[in-house]
Structure formats: C-alpha cells, structure tokens
PDB file of all heavy atoms in Angstrom:
ATOM      1  N   ASN A   1      19.459  -4.902  -4.284  1.00  0.00           N
ATOM      2  CA  ASN A   1      19.369  -4.007  -3.122  1.00  0.00           C
ATOM      3  C   ASN A   1      18.428  -2.830  -3.391  1.00  0.00           C
ATOM      4  O   ASN A   1      18.749  -1.674  -3.070  1.00  0.00           O
ATOM      5  CB  ASN A   1      20.757  -3.503  -2.723  1.00  0.00           C
ATOM      6  CG  ASN A   1      20.778  -2.913  -1.319  1.00  0.00           C
ATOM      7  OD1 ASN A   1      20.001  -3.326  -0.454  1.00  0.00           O
ATOM      8  ND2 ASN A   1      21.653  -1.951  -1.093  1.00  0.00           N
ATOM      9  N   LYS A   2      17.277  -3.132  -3.973  1.00  0.00           N
ATOM     10  CA  LYS A   2      16.280  -2.116  -4.281  1.00  0.00           C
ATOM     11  C   LYS A   2      15.132  -2.174  -3.275  1.00  0.00           C
ATOM     12  O   LYS A   2      14.706  -3.272  -2.874  1.00  0.00           O
ATOM     13  CB  LYS A   2      15.715  -2.324  -5.695  1.00  0.00           C
ATOM     14  CG  LYS A   2      16.684  -1.934  -6.794  1.00  0.00           C
ATOM     15  CD  LYS A   2      16.899  -0.437  -6.811  1.00  0.00           C
ATOM     16  CE  LYS A   2      17.876   0.014  -7.855  1.00  0.00           C
ATOM     17  NZ  LYS A   2      18.046   1.471  -7.864  1.00  0.00           N
ATOM     18  N   PRO A   3      14.605  -1.027  -2.857  1.00  0.00           N
ATOM     19  CA  PRO A   3      13.451  -1.022  -1.960  1.00  0.00           C
ATOM     20  C   PRO A   3      12.264  -1.757  -2.576  1.00  0.00           C
ATOM     21  O   PRO A   3      12.062  -1.741  -3.799  1.00  0.00           O
ATOM     22  CB  PRO A   3      13.150   0.471  -1.788  1.00  0.00           C
ATOM     23  CG  PRO A   3      14.450   1.156  -2.043  1.00  0.00           C
ATOM     24  CD  PRO A   3      15.105   0.341  -3.123  1.00  0.00           C
ATOM     25  N   ILE A   4      11.498  -2.399  -1.703  1.00  0.00           N
ATOM     26  CA  ILE A   4      10.309  -3.146  -2.119  1.00  0.00           C
ATOM     27  C   ILE A   4       9.070  -2.418  -1.609  1.00  0.00           C
ATOM     28  O   ILE A   4       8.989  -2.059  -0.437  1.00  0.00           O
ATOM     29  CB  ILE A   4      10.340  -4.580  -1.556  1.00  0.00           C
ATOM     30  CG1 ILE A   4      11.498  -5.373  -2.182  1.00  0.00           C
ATOM     31  CG2 ILE A   4       9.015  -5.297  -1.795  1.00  0.00           C
ATOM     32  CD1 ILE A   4      11.742  -6.715  -1.518  1.00  0.00           C
ATOM     33  N   THR A   5       8.116  -2.190  -2.505  1.00  0.00           N
ATOM     34  CA  THR A   5       6.839  -1.603  -2.113  1.00  0.00           C
ATOM     35  C   THR A   5       5.727  -2.624  -2.297  1.00  0.00           C
ATOM     36  O   THR A   5       5.922  -3.693  -2.868  1.00  0.00           O
ATOM     37  CB  THR A   5       6.521  -0.329  -2.917  1.00  0.00           C
ATOM     38  OG1 THR A   5       6.280  -0.687  -4.290  1.00  0.00           O
ATOM     39  CG2 THR A   5       7.657   0.679  -2.826  1.00  0.00           C
ATOM     40  N   SER A   6       4.546  -2.251  -1.826  1.00  0.00           N
ATOM     41  CA  SER A   6       3.375  -3.116  -1.916  1.00  0.00           C
ATOM     42  C   SER A   6       2.158  -2.273  -2.264  1.00  0.00           C
ATOM     43  O   SER A   6       2.032  -1.130  -1.813  1.00  0.00           O
ATOM     44  CB  SER A   6       3.139  -3.826  -0.577  1.00  0.00           C
ATOM     45  OG  SER A   6       1.846  -4.398  -0.513  1.00  0.00           O
ATOM     46  N   GLY A   7       1.270  -2.834  -3.070  1.00  0.00           N
ATOM     47  CA  GLY A   7       0.019  -2.151  -3.393  1.00  0.00           C
ATOM     48  C   GLY A   7      -1.062  -3.142  -3.758  1.00  0.00           C
ATOM     49  O   GLY A   7      -0.773  -4.232  -4.280  1.00  0.00           O
ATOM     50  N   SER A   8      -2.299  -2.782  -3.480  1.00  0.00           N
ATOM     51  CA  SER A   8      -3.415  -3.672  -3.778  1.00  0.00           C
ATOM     52  C   SER A   8      -3.705  -3.771  -5.261  1.00  0.00           C
ATOM     53  O   SER A   8      -4.301  -4.740  -5.718  1.00  0.00           O
ATOM     54  CB  SER A   8      -4.677  -3.189  -3.059  1.00  0.00           C
ATOM     55  OG  SER A   8      -4.511  -3.208  -1.661  1.00  0.00           O
ATOM     56  N   ASP A   9      -3.305  -2.747  -6.040  1.00  0.00           N
ATOM     57  CA  ASP A   9      -3.712  -2.641  -7.442  1.00  0.00           C
ATOM     58  C   ASP A   9      -5.245  -2.638  -7.515  1.00  0.00           C
ATOM     59  O   ASP A   9      -5.861  -3.354  -8.295  1.00  0.00           O
ATOM     60  CB  ASP A   9      -3.127  -3.780  -8.269  1.00  0.00           C
ATOM     61  CG  ASP A   9      -2.991  -3.430  -9.742  1.00  0.00           C
ATOM     62  OD1 ASP A   9      -3.498  -2.369 -10.153  1.00  0.00           O
ATOM     63  OD2 ASP A   9      -2.394  -4.232 -10.493  1.00  0.00           O
ATOM     64  N   PHE A  10      -5.831  -1.792  -6.680  1.00  0.00           N
ATOM     65  CA  PHE A  10      -7.285  -1.758  -6.506  1.00  0.00           C
ATOM     66  C   PHE A  10      -7.995  -1.340  -7.796  1.00  0.00           C
ATOM     67  O   PHE A  10      -7.716  -0.271  -8.348  1.00  0.00           O
ATOM     68  CB  PHE A  10      -7.641  -0.778  -5.386  1.00  0.00           C
ATOM     69  CG  PHE A  10      -9.119  -0.668  -5.115  1.00  0.00           C
ATOM     70  CD1 PHE A  10      -9.700  -1.411  -4.113  1.00  0.00           C
ATOM     71  CD2 PHE A  10      -9.921   0.174  -5.873  1.00  0.00           C
ATOM     72  CE1 PHE A  10     -11.076  -1.325  -3.859  1.00  0.00           C
ATOM     73  CE2 PHE A  10     -11.287   0.266  -5.637  1.00  0.00           C
ATOM     74  CZ  PHE A  10     -11.863  -0.478  -4.634  1.00  0.00           C
ATOM     75  N   HIS A  11      -8.921  -2.202  -8.254  1.00  0.00           N
ATOM     76  CA  HIS A  11      -9.842  -1.876  -9.339  1.00  0.00           C
ATOM     77  C   HIS A  11     -11.294  -2.115  -8.925  1.00  0.00           C
ATOM     78  O   HIS A  11     -12.191  -1.462  -9.446  1.00  0.00           O
ATOM     79  CB  HIS A  11      -9.563  -2.729 -10.575  1.00  0.00           C
ATOM     80  CG  HIS A  11      -8.322  -2.377 -11.322  1.00  0.00           C
ATOM     81  ND1 HIS A  11      -7.062  -2.707 -10.868  1.00  0.00           N
ATOM     82  CD2 HIS A  11      -8.135  -1.725 -12.500  1.00  0.00           C
ATOM     83  CE1 HIS A  11      -6.157  -2.276 -11.745  1.00  0.00           C
ATOM     84  NE2 HIS A  11      -6.778  -1.677 -12.737  1.00  0.00           N
ATOM     85  N   HIS A  12     -11.497  -3.077  -8.026  1.00  0.00           N
ATOM     86  CA  HIS A  12     -12.842  -3.476  -7.600  1.00  0.00           C
ATOM     87  C   HIS A  12     -12.849  -3.701  -6.085  1.00  0.00           C
ATOM     88  O   HIS A  12     -11.793  -3.855  -5.469  1.00  0.00           O
ATOM     89  CB  HIS A  12     -13.268  -4.754  -8.321  1.00  0.00           C
ATOM     90  CG  HIS A  12     -13.270  -4.620  -9.811  1.00  0.00           C
ATOM     91  ND1 HIS A  12     -14.273  -3.997 -10.511  1.00  0.00           N
ATOM     92  CD2 HIS A  12     -12.359  -5.017 -10.737  1.00  0.00           C
ATOM     93  CE1 HIS A  12     -14.001  -4.015 -11.795  1.00  0.00           C
ATOM     94  NE2 HIS A  12     -12.853  -4.627 -11.973  1.00  0.00           N
ATOM     95  N   VAL A  13     -14.026  -3.760  -5.506  1.00  0.00           N
ATOM     96  CA  VAL A  13     -14.149  -3.922  -4.056  1.00  0.00           C
ATOM     97  C   VAL A  13     -13.438  -5.186  -3.580  1.00  0.00           C
ATOM     98  O   VAL A  13     -12.887  -5.210  -2.480  1.00  0.00           O
ATOM     99  CB  VAL A  13     -15.637  -3.933  -3.643  1.00  0.00           C
ATOM    100  CG1 VAL A  13     -15.786  -4.249  -2.165  1.00  0.00           C
ATOM    101  CG2 VAL A  13     -16.287  -2.583  -3.951  1.00  0.00           C
ATOM    102  N   SER A  14     -13.411  -6.210  -4.410  1.00  0.00           N
ATOM    103  CA  SER A  14     -12.735  -7.452  -4.010  1.00  0.00           C
ATOM    104  C   SER A  14     -11.240  -7.269  -3.838  1.00  0.00           C
ATOM    105  O   SER A  14     -10.563  -8.118  -3.238  1.00  0.00           O
ATOM    106  CB  SER A  14     -13.005  -8.555  -5.042  1.00  0.00           C
ATOM    107  OG  SER A  14     -12.513  -8.180  -6.320  1.00  0.00           O
ATOM    108  N   HIS A  15     -10.694  -6.170  -4.342  1.00  0.00           N
ATOM    109  CA  HIS A  15      -9.258  -5.902  -4.218  1.00  0.00           C
ATOM    110  C   HIS A  15      -8.924  -5.070  -2.988  1.00  0.00           C
ATOM    111  O   HIS A  15      -7.758  -4.770  -2.752  1.00  0.00           O
ATOM    112  CB  HIS A  15      -8.754  -5.140  -5.449  1.00  0.00           C
ATOM    113  CG  HIS A  15      -8.996  -5.815  -6.748  1.00  0.00           C
ATOM    114  ND1 HIS A  15      -9.040  -5.139  -7.956  1.00  0.00           N
ATOM    115  CD2 HIS A  15      -9.210  -7.129  -7.048  1.00  0.00           C
ATOM    116  CE1 HIS A  15      -9.270  -5.982  -8.925  1.00  0.00           C
ATOM    117  NE2 HIS A  15      -9.375  -7.201  -8.410  1.00  0.00           N
ATOM    118  N   LEU A  16      -9.923  -4.714  -2.217  1.00  0.00           N
ATOM    119  CA  LEU A  16      -9.731  -3.780  -1.099  1.00  0.00           C
ATOM    120  C   LEU A  16      -8.711  -4.286  -0.080  1.00  0.00           C
ATOM    121  O   LEU A  16      -8.780  -5.437   0.364  1.00  0.00           O
ATOM    122  CB  LEU A  16     -11.068  -3.549  -0.396  1.00  0.00           C
ATOM    123  CG  LEU A  16     -11.063  -2.616   0.818  1.00  0.00           C
ATOM    124  CD1 LEU A  16     -10.731  -1.189   0.405  1.00  0.00           C
ATOM    125  CD2 LEU A  16     -12.416  -2.665   1.538  1.00  0.00           C
ATOM    126  N   ALA A  17      -7.780  -3.400   0.278  1.00  0.00           N
ATOM    127  CA  ALA A  17      -6.850  -3.624   1.387  1.00  0.00           C
ATOM    128  C   ALA A  17      -6.006  -4.884   1.229  1.00  0.00           C
ATOM    129  O   ALA A  17      -5.645  -5.528   2.204  1.00  0.00           O
ATOM    130  CB  ALA A  17      -7.622  -3.673   2.708  1.00  0.00           C
ATOM    131  N   ARG A  18      -5.629  -5.202   0.017  1.00  0.00           N
ATOM    132  CA  ARG A  18      -4.749  -6.341  -0.212  1.00  0.00           C
ATOM    133  C   ARG A  18      -3.277  -5.983  -0.030  1.00  0.00           C
ATOM    134  O   ARG A  18      -2.429  -6.866   0.078  1.00  0.00           O
ATOM    135  CB  ARG A  18      -4.943  -6.894  -1.628  1.00  0.00           C
ATOM    136  CG  ARG A  18      -6.253  -7.621  -1.865  1.00  0.00           C
ATOM    137  CD  ARG A  18      -6.242  -8.238  -3.249  1.00  0.00           C
ATOM    138  NE  ARG A  18      -7.478  -8.960  -3.556  1.00  0.00           N
ATOM    139  CZ  ARG A  18      -7.683  -9.626  -4.695  1.00  0.00           C
ATOM    140  NH1 ARG A  18      -6.740  -9.637  -5.618  1.00  0.00           N
ATOM    141  NH2 ARG A  18      -8.822 -10.247  -4.902  1.00  0.00           N
ATOM    142  N   GLY A  19      -2.945  -4.688  -0.071  1.00  0.00           N
ATOM    143  CA  GLY A  19      -1.546  -4.295   0.006  1.00  0.00           C
ATOM    144  C   GLY A  19      -1.388  -2.909   0.595  1.00  0.00           C
ATOM    145  O   GLY A  19      -2.313  -2.337   1.162  1.00  0.00           O
ATOM    146  N   GLY A  20      -0.179  -2.374   0.447  1.00  0.00           N
ATOM    147  CA  GLY A  20       0.136  -1.056   0.982  1.00  0.00           C
ATOM    148  C   GLY A  20       1.326  -1.128   1.920  1.00  0.00           C
ATOM    149  O   GLY A  20       2.089  -2.105   1.929  1.00  0.00           O
ATOM    150  N   ILE A  21       1.481  -0.082   2.720  1.00  0.00           N
ATOM    151  CA  ILE A  21       2.578  -0.044   3.687  1.00  0.00           C
ATOM    152  C   ILE A  21       2.055   0.331   5.073  1.00  0.00           C
ATOM    153  O   ILE A  21       1.020   0.986   5.204  1.00  0.00           O
ATOM    154  CB  ILE A  21       3.685   0.939   3.276  1.00  0.00           C
ATOM    155  CG1 ILE A  21       3.150   2.379   3.175  1.00  0.00           C
ATOM    156  CG2 ILE A  21       4.342   0.497   1.975  1.00  0.00           C
ATOM    157  CD1 ILE A  21       4.238   3.434   2.998  1.00  0.00           C
ATOM    158  N   ILE A  22       2.810  -0.084   6.082  1.00  0.00           N
ATOM    159  CA  ILE A  22       2.552   0.302   7.472  1.00  0.00           C
ATOM    160  C   ILE A  22       3.766   1.080   7.959  1.00  0.00           C
ATOM    161  O   ILE A  22       4.912   0.649   7.761  1.00  0.00           O
ATOM    162  CB  ILE A  22       2.324  -0.931   8.360  1.00  0.00           C
ATOM    163  CG1 ILE A  22       1.068  -1.680   7.912  1.00  0.00           C
ATOM    164  CG2 ILE A  22       2.207  -0.532   9.826  1.00  0.00           C
ATOM    165  CD1 ILE A  22       0.840  -2.987   8.646  1.00  0.00           C
ATOM    166  N   THR A  23       3.523   2.225   8.565  1.00  0.00           N
ATOM    167  CA  THR A  23       4.613   3.063   9.032  1.00  0.00           C
ATOM    168  C   THR A  23       4.216   3.792  10.308  1.00  0.00           C
ATOM    169  O   THR A  23       3.025   4.022  10.553  1.00  0.00           O
ATOM    170  CB  THR A  23       5.016   4.098   7.956  1.00  0.00           C
ATOM    171  OG1 THR A  23       6.024   4.970   8.469  1.00  0.00           O
ATOM    172  CG2 THR A  23       3.833   4.926   7.509  1.00  0.00           C
ATOM    173  N   SER A  24       5.210   4.134  11.093  1.00  0.00           N
ATOM    174  CA  SER A  24       4.944   4.931  12.302  1.00  0.00           C
ATOM    175  C   SER A  24       4.830   6.411  11.968  1.00  0.00           C
ATOM    176  O   SER A  24       4.429   7.206  12.814  1.00  0.00           O
ATOM    177  CB  SER A  24       6.066   4.724  13.328  1.00  0.00           C
ATOM    178  OG  SER A  24       7.308   5.153  12.797  1.00  0.00           O
ATOM    179  N   LYS A  25       5.188   6.778  10.738  1.00  0.00           N
ATOM    180  CA  LYS A  25       5.192   8.171  10.326  1.00  0.00           C
ATOM    181  C   LYS A  25       3.816   8.583   9.783  1.00  0.00           C
ATOM    182  O   LYS A  25       3.210   7.837   9.016  1.00  0.00           O
ATOM    183  CB  LYS A  25       6.244   8.406   9.238  1.00  0.00           C
ATOM    184  CG  LYS A  25       7.624   7.888   9.575  1.00  0.00           C
ATOM    185  CD  LYS A  25       8.272   8.669  10.691  1.00  0.00           C
ATOM    186  CE  LYS A  25       9.700   8.209  10.919  1.00  0.00           C
ATOM    187  NZ  LYS A  25      10.374   8.933  11.998  1.00  0.00           N
ATOM    188  N   LYS A  26       3.370   9.752  10.166  1.00  0.00           N
ATOM    189  CA  LYS A  26       2.150  10.311   9.601  1.00  0.00           C
ATOM    190  C   LYS A  26       2.475  10.932   8.252  1.00  0.00           C
ATOM    191  O   LYS A  26       3.345  11.795   8.148  1.00  0.00           O
ATOM    192  CB  LYS A  26       1.569  11.364  10.546  1.00  0.00           C
ATOM    193  CG  LYS A  26       0.391  12.146   9.986  1.00  0.00           C
ATOM    194  CD  LYS A  26      -0.805  11.269   9.720  1.00  0.00           C
ATOM    195  CE  LYS A  26      -2.005  12.114   9.274  1.00  0.00           C
ATOM    196  NZ  LYS A  26      -3.094  11.284   8.740  1.00  0.00           N
ATOM    197  N   ILE A  27       1.810  10.461   7.213  1.00  0.00           N
ATOM    198  CA  ILE A  27       2.036  10.973   5.859  1.00  0.00           C
ATOM    199  C   ILE A  27       0.934  11.967   5.518  1.00  0.00           C
ATOM    200  O   ILE A  27      -0.246  11.602   5.476  1.00  0.00           O
ATOM    201  CB  ILE A  27       2.076   9.820   4.835  1.00  0.00           C
ATOM    202  CG1 ILE A  27       3.282   8.918   5.113  1.00  0.00           C
ATOM    203  CG2 ILE A  27       2.121  10.359   3.415  1.00  0.00           C
ATOM    204  CD1 ILE A  27       3.338   7.674   4.239  1.00  0.00           C
ATOM    205  N   ASN A  28       1.316  13.203   5.277  1.00  0.00           N
ATOM    206  CA  ASN A  28       0.358  14.255   4.943  1.00  0.00           C
ATOM    207  C   ASN A  28       0.509  14.766   3.517  1.00  0.00           C
ATOM    208  O   ASN A  28      -0.376  15.476   3.019  1.00  0.00           O
ATOM    209  CB  ASN A  28       0.523  15.445   5.896  1.00  0.00           C
ATOM    210  CG  ASN A  28       0.137  15.111   7.318  1.00  0.00           C
ATOM    211  OD1 ASN A  28      -0.935  14.587   7.579  1.00  0.00           O
ATOM    212  ND2 ASN A  28       1.032  15.411   8.261  1.00  0.00           N
ATOM    213  N   SER A  29       1.630  14.432   2.876  1.00  0.00           N
ATOM    214  CA  SER A  29       1.915  14.995   1.565  1.00  0.00           C
ATOM    215  C   SER A  29       2.732  14.005   0.744  1.00  0.00           C
ATOM    216  O   SER A  29       3.270  13.019   1.271  1.00  0.00           O
ATOM    217  CB  SER A  29       2.697  16.300   1.706  1.00  0.00           C
ATOM    218  OG  SER A  29       3.981  16.043   2.260  1.00  0.00           O
TER     219      SER A  29
END
C-alpha cells in the first residue's frame, strides 16, 4: 500500500518525456 511515482530517469534526449505525473494541481514549490 505504498504510493507509486513515475520518472523518465532523463540522461539523454532519447529519454525525454518517458515518465512523470499528471495532476490538476499547479505545483510551484
């Protein structure tokens, strides 16, 4: 019952936008 996150693990252009999160909340900090 642990939260799951996602990330591209970006190192090179080929890794662009492979992961992350989508939210209705604006994140400023």
